[in-house]
């Protein structure tokens, strides 16, 4: 069995994002799975989705703007199934991912931002404004291979929450460079808004990311579209997952 999780809190994303992500998994995973949504509002979410209360889920007693989205780390402590995945709502799956989510790994596996210019990275600027080259939108772990990361964060929480303002930067600077994390091979995931000037489907890739925050924060000239704002193939495919 594969345990799959996503988060929905606040009003940024509608229940359509949860329901269509579930629909995409039904189409693109050829193995039994359970899909869980950690949310503060289950209204409109399809009944096949297992609901977990967001309000009591976060075990870290720090302001939400420190290590933003750190709630994800609690999943390492929650699920020790043979195969475990968390997927952000702003991810569009458009090819079969069965092999990705059923191949054991000795380390948590994240997306590497191949679309960024590695020569521009800032190595030791941990906080606001620092470059970051991993992405936690699609993460896999086998059994208890991520438990150490939850435990480490709890044991060193005071320093960690003082230093980092986002989960990705924490993982990148504190753990990736110490070879504690694995990453997906190039050619699996891409950024629809950053790496794809014509907003075309990348043939051979399986996952398109629609996260817009870094583009809007950096005030680039690029359009930054959420899934519900797209047109053409992306919108048609996303809406097809209602079935």
Protein backbone atom coordinates (compact mmCIF):
# COMPACT_ATOMS: atom_id res chain seq x y z
CA UNK A 1 0.00 0.00 0.00
CA UNK A 2 1.16 3.53 -0.82
CA UNK A 3 0.28 6.31 1.63
CA UNK A 4 -0.12 9.64 -0.18
CA UNK A 5 -0.68 12.99 1.53
CA UNK A 6 -1.49 16.56 0.60
CA UNK A 7 -2.20 19.74 2.58
CA UNK A 8 -4.99 22.27 2.16
CA UNK A 9 -5.45 25.10 4.63
CA UNK A 10 -6.75 28.62 4.29
CA UNK A 11 -8.51 29.79 1.13
CA UNK A 12 -5.72 29.88 -1.48
CA UNK A 13 -6.85 26.63 -3.12
CA UNK A 14 -10.36 25.27 -3.56
CA UNK A 15 -11.52 21.70 -3.01
CA UNK A 16 -11.14 21.22 -6.78
CA UNK A 17 -7.38 21.07 -6.25
CA UNK A 18 -7.74 18.15 -3.84
CA UNK A 19 -10.28 16.31 -5.94
CA UNK A 20 -8.37 16.68 -9.20
CA UNK A 21 -5.07 15.68 -7.61
CA UNK A 22 -6.81 12.51 -6.41
CA UNK A 23 -8.20 11.95 -9.92
CA UNK A 24 -4.73 12.29 -11.43
CA UNK A 25 -3.37 9.68 -9.02
CA UNK A 26 -6.14 7.24 -9.93
CA UNK A 27 -5.15 7.59 -13.58
CA UNK A 28 -1.37 7.56 -13.17
CA UNK A 29 -0.67 5.03 -10.38
CA UNK A 30 -1.11 1.34 -11.11
CA UNK A 31 -0.93 0.17 -7.50
CA UNK A 32 -3.17 0.37 -4.40
CA UNK A 33 -2.92 3.65 -2.50
CA UNK A 34 -4.64 5.72 0.17
CA UNK A 35 -4.90 9.45 -0.39
CA UNK A 36 -5.05 11.70 2.68
CA UNK A 37 -5.74 15.43 2.90
CA UNK A 38 -4.61 17.37 5.95
CA UNK A 39 -7.07 20.26 5.98
CA UNK A 40 -8.99 22.80 8.06
CA UNK A 41 -11.99 22.62 5.70
CA UNK A 42 -13.17 19.31 4.25
CA UNK A 43 -16.23 20.80 2.53
CA UNK A 44 -16.52 19.65 -1.08
CA UNK A 45 -13.71 17.09 -0.91
CA UNK A 46 -14.65 13.80 -2.56
CA UNK A 47 -15.47 10.92 -0.17
CA UNK A 48 -12.61 8.69 -1.36
CA UNK A 49 -10.14 11.07 0.32
CA UNK A 50 -9.16 10.37 3.94
CA UNK A 51 -9.35 13.56 6.03
CA UNK A 52 -6.86 14.53 8.76
CA UNK A 53 -7.48 17.62 10.93
CA UNK A 54 -4.94 20.32 10.13
CA UNK A 55 -5.62 22.28 13.33
CA UNK A 56 -4.04 19.61 15.53
CA UNK A 57 -1.42 18.34 13.07
CA UNK A 58 1.54 20.74 13.45
CA UNK A 59 3.83 19.60 16.31
CA UNK A 60 6.20 22.58 16.09
CA UNK A 61 5.37 25.43 18.45
CA UNK A 62 6.75 28.34 16.43
CA UNK A 63 5.21 31.14 14.31
CA UNK A 64 4.00 29.94 10.92
CA UNK A 65 6.39 32.27 9.04
CA UNK A 66 9.35 30.31 10.41
CA UNK A 67 10.25 27.20 8.40
CA UNK A 68 7.09 27.77 6.36
CA UNK A 69 5.28 24.48 5.50
CA UNK A 70 7.23 22.64 8.21
CA UNK A 71 4.00 20.68 8.85
CA UNK A 72 5.16 18.34 6.09
CA UNK A 73 7.92 17.03 8.36
CA UNK A 74 5.29 15.61 10.71
CA UNK A 75 4.42 13.10 8.01
CA UNK A 76 7.74 11.36 8.57
CA UNK A 77 6.61 10.67 12.11
CA UNK A 78 3.08 9.71 11.06
CA UNK A 79 3.54 7.21 8.23
CA UNK A 80 6.01 4.33 8.11
CA UNK A 81 4.35 2.40 5.30
CA UNK A 82 6.63 0.71 2.79
CA UNK A 83 5.93 3.57 0.35
CA UNK A 84 4.98 7.14 1.35
CA UNK A 85 4.53 10.32 -0.68
CA UNK A 86 3.49 13.90 -0.12
CA UNK A 87 2.36 16.00 -3.08
CA UNK A 88 1.51 19.69 -3.10
CA UNK A 89 -1.83 20.76 -4.53
CA UNK A 90 -0.20 22.91 -7.23
CA UNK A 91 1.29 19.87 -8.98
CA UNK A 92 -0.05 18.54 -12.28
CA UNK A 93 0.75 14.88 -12.95
CA UNK A 94 0.54 14.02 -16.64
CA UNK A 95 2.23 10.63 -16.96
CA UNK A 96 2.48 7.39 -15.02
CA UNK A 97 4.37 7.71 -11.71
CA UNK A 98 3.96 4.15 -10.41
CA UNK A 99 7.68 3.40 -10.54
CA UNK A 100 8.52 6.64 -8.74
CA UNK A 101 6.28 5.86 -5.77
CA UNK A 102 7.05 2.14 -5.45
CA UNK A 103 10.86 2.10 -5.64
CA UNK A 104 12.45 2.06 -2.20
CA UNK A 105 14.94 4.73 -1.21
CA UNK A 106 17.23 4.90 1.81
CA UNK A 107 16.74 8.69 2.02
CA UNK A 108 13.80 11.06 1.55
CA UNK A 109 13.69 12.00 -2.13
CA UNK A 110 12.83 15.54 -3.30
CA UNK A 111 12.80 17.55 -6.52
CA UNK A 112 16.02 19.30 -7.53
CA UNK A 113 15.45 22.64 -9.25
CA UNK A 114 17.32 21.90 -12.47
CA UNK A 115 15.73 24.98 -14.05
CA UNK A 116 17.73 27.34 -11.82
CA UNK A 117 21.18 28.65 -12.75
CA UNK A 118 23.44 26.86 -10.27
CA UNK A 119 26.16 29.48 -10.75
CA UNK A 120 23.93 32.07 -9.12
CA UNK A 121 23.29 30.19 -5.90
CA UNK A 122 24.19 31.80 -2.59
CA UNK A 123 25.77 29.08 -0.52
CA UNK A 124 25.67 30.41 3.02
CA UNK A 125 22.79 32.85 3.11
CA UNK A 126 20.23 30.75 4.97
CA UNK A 127 17.36 33.16 5.46
CA UNK A 128 15.30 35.59 3.44
CA UNK A 129 16.59 36.15 -0.09
CA UNK A 130 18.77 33.04 -0.17
CA UNK A 131 18.72 30.92 -3.28
CA UNK A 132 17.39 27.39 -2.94
CA UNK A 133 17.77 24.46 -5.30
CA UNK A 134 15.48 21.77 -3.94
CA UNK A 135 11.72 21.69 -3.88
CA UNK A 136 9.43 19.81 -1.50
CA UNK A 137 6.37 19.67 -3.77
CA UNK A 138 6.77 15.94 -4.47
CA UNK A 139 8.55 13.89 -1.80
CA UNK A 140 8.93 10.13 -1.38
CA UNK A 141 10.22 8.10 1.57
CA UNK A 142 10.37 4.38 2.35
CA UNK A 143 9.20 3.03 5.71
CA UNK A 144 10.91 5.02 8.50
CA UNK A 145 13.70 6.51 6.34
CA UNK A 146 12.48 10.04 7.13
CA UNK A 147 11.96 9.62 10.87
CA UNK A 148 15.45 10.94 11.62
CA UNK A 149 14.54 14.26 9.94
CA UNK A 150 11.49 14.81 12.12
CA UNK A 151 13.50 13.87 15.23
CA UNK A 152 16.44 16.10 14.27
CA UNK A 153 14.10 19.06 13.75
CA UNK A 154 12.46 18.55 17.13
CA UNK A 155 15.78 18.18 18.93
CA UNK A 156 17.30 21.29 17.30
CA UNK A 157 14.13 23.33 16.88
CA UNK A 158 15.31 26.52 18.59
CA UNK A 159 18.27 27.00 16.24
CA UNK A 160 16.42 25.80 13.16
CA UNK A 161 13.41 28.06 13.61
CA UNK A 162 15.67 31.04 14.32
CA UNK A 163 17.73 30.44 11.17
CA UNK A 164 15.32 29.42 8.41
CA UNK A 165 12.15 30.96 7.06
CA UNK A 166 11.11 28.11 4.76
CA UNK A 167 11.17 24.33 4.74
CA UNK A 168 12.95 24.11 1.38
CA UNK A 169 15.81 26.36 2.52
CA UNK A 170 16.15 24.40 5.74
CA UNK A 171 16.36 21.11 3.86
CA UNK A 172 18.69 22.52 1.22
CA UNK A 173 21.27 24.20 3.45
CA UNK A 174 21.09 22.00 6.53
CA UNK A 175 20.70 18.53 4.99
CA UNK A 176 21.15 18.37 1.22
CA UNK A 177 24.77 19.53 1.37
CA UNK A 178 25.50 16.89 3.99
CA UNK A 179 24.23 14.13 1.68
CA UNK A 180 21.26 13.30 3.89
CA UNK A 181 18.66 13.67 1.14
CA UNK A 182 18.13 12.21 -2.32
CA UNK A 183 16.65 13.93 -5.40
CA UNK A 184 14.71 12.83 -8.45
CA UNK A 185 16.59 12.46 -11.72
CA UNK A 186 16.48 15.30 -14.21
CA UNK A 187 13.67 14.88 -16.72
CA UNK A 188 10.94 13.90 -14.25
CA UNK A 189 9.67 17.25 -12.96
CA UNK A 190 9.70 20.76 -14.37
CA UNK A 191 8.38 24.19 -13.43
CA UNK A 192 5.56 25.28 -15.74
CA UNK A 193 6.02 28.95 -14.88
CA UNK A 194 9.80 29.16 -14.82
CA UNK A 195 11.30 26.50 -17.05
CA UNK A 196 8.81 26.50 -19.89
CA UNK A 197 8.56 29.74 -21.86
CA UNK A 198 5.81 28.51 -24.17
CA UNK A 199 3.86 26.77 -21.39
CA UNK A 200 3.96 23.51 -23.32
CA UNK A 201 3.74 20.01 -21.93
CA UNK A 202 7.26 18.60 -21.68
CA UNK A 203 7.22 15.24 -23.40
CA UNK A 204 8.96 12.58 -21.33
CA UNK A 205 8.46 14.47 -18.07
CA UNK A 206 5.83 13.30 -15.61
CA UNK A 207 5.16 16.22 -13.26
CA UNK A 208 4.62 19.95 -13.80
CA UNK A 209 4.96 22.33 -10.84
CA UNK A 210 2.82 25.46 -10.72
CA UNK A 211 4.26 27.05 -7.59
CA UNK A 212 4.27 30.80 -8.16
CA UNK A 213 5.57 32.30 -4.92
CA UNK A 214 9.26 32.58 -5.88
CA UNK A 215 8.42 34.22 -9.21
CA UNK A 216 6.07 36.77 -7.66
CA UNK A 217 8.43 37.39 -4.74
CA UNK A 218 11.34 38.10 -7.10
CA UNK A 219 9.15 40.37 -9.24
CA UNK A 220 10.28 38.87 -12.51
CA UNK A 221 8.60 39.71 -15.80
CA UNK A 222 7.36 36.16 -16.18
CA UNK A 223 3.70 35.32 -15.89
CA UNK A 224 3.07 33.13 -12.86
CA UNK A 225 -0.08 31.08 -13.34
CA UNK A 226 -1.84 28.89 -10.83
CA UNK A 227 -3.48 25.76 -12.20
CA UNK A 228 -6.94 27.33 -12.24
CA UNK A 229 -5.56 30.26 -14.26
CA UNK A 230 -4.09 28.20 -17.08
CA UNK A 231 -5.48 27.63 -20.56
CA UNK A 232 -4.96 25.02 -23.25
CA UNK A 233 -3.57 21.57 -22.49
CA UNK A 234 -2.90 22.20 -18.79
CA UNK A 235 -6.41 23.40 -18.01
CA UNK A 236 -8.02 20.66 -20.11
CA UNK A 237 -5.96 17.93 -18.46
CA UNK A 238 -6.48 19.29 -14.93
CA UNK A 239 -10.25 19.52 -15.41
CA UNK A 240 -10.35 16.00 -16.91
CA UNK A 241 -9.36 14.63 -13.50
CA UNK A 242 -12.86 15.38 -12.22
CA UNK A 243 -14.02 12.14 -13.83
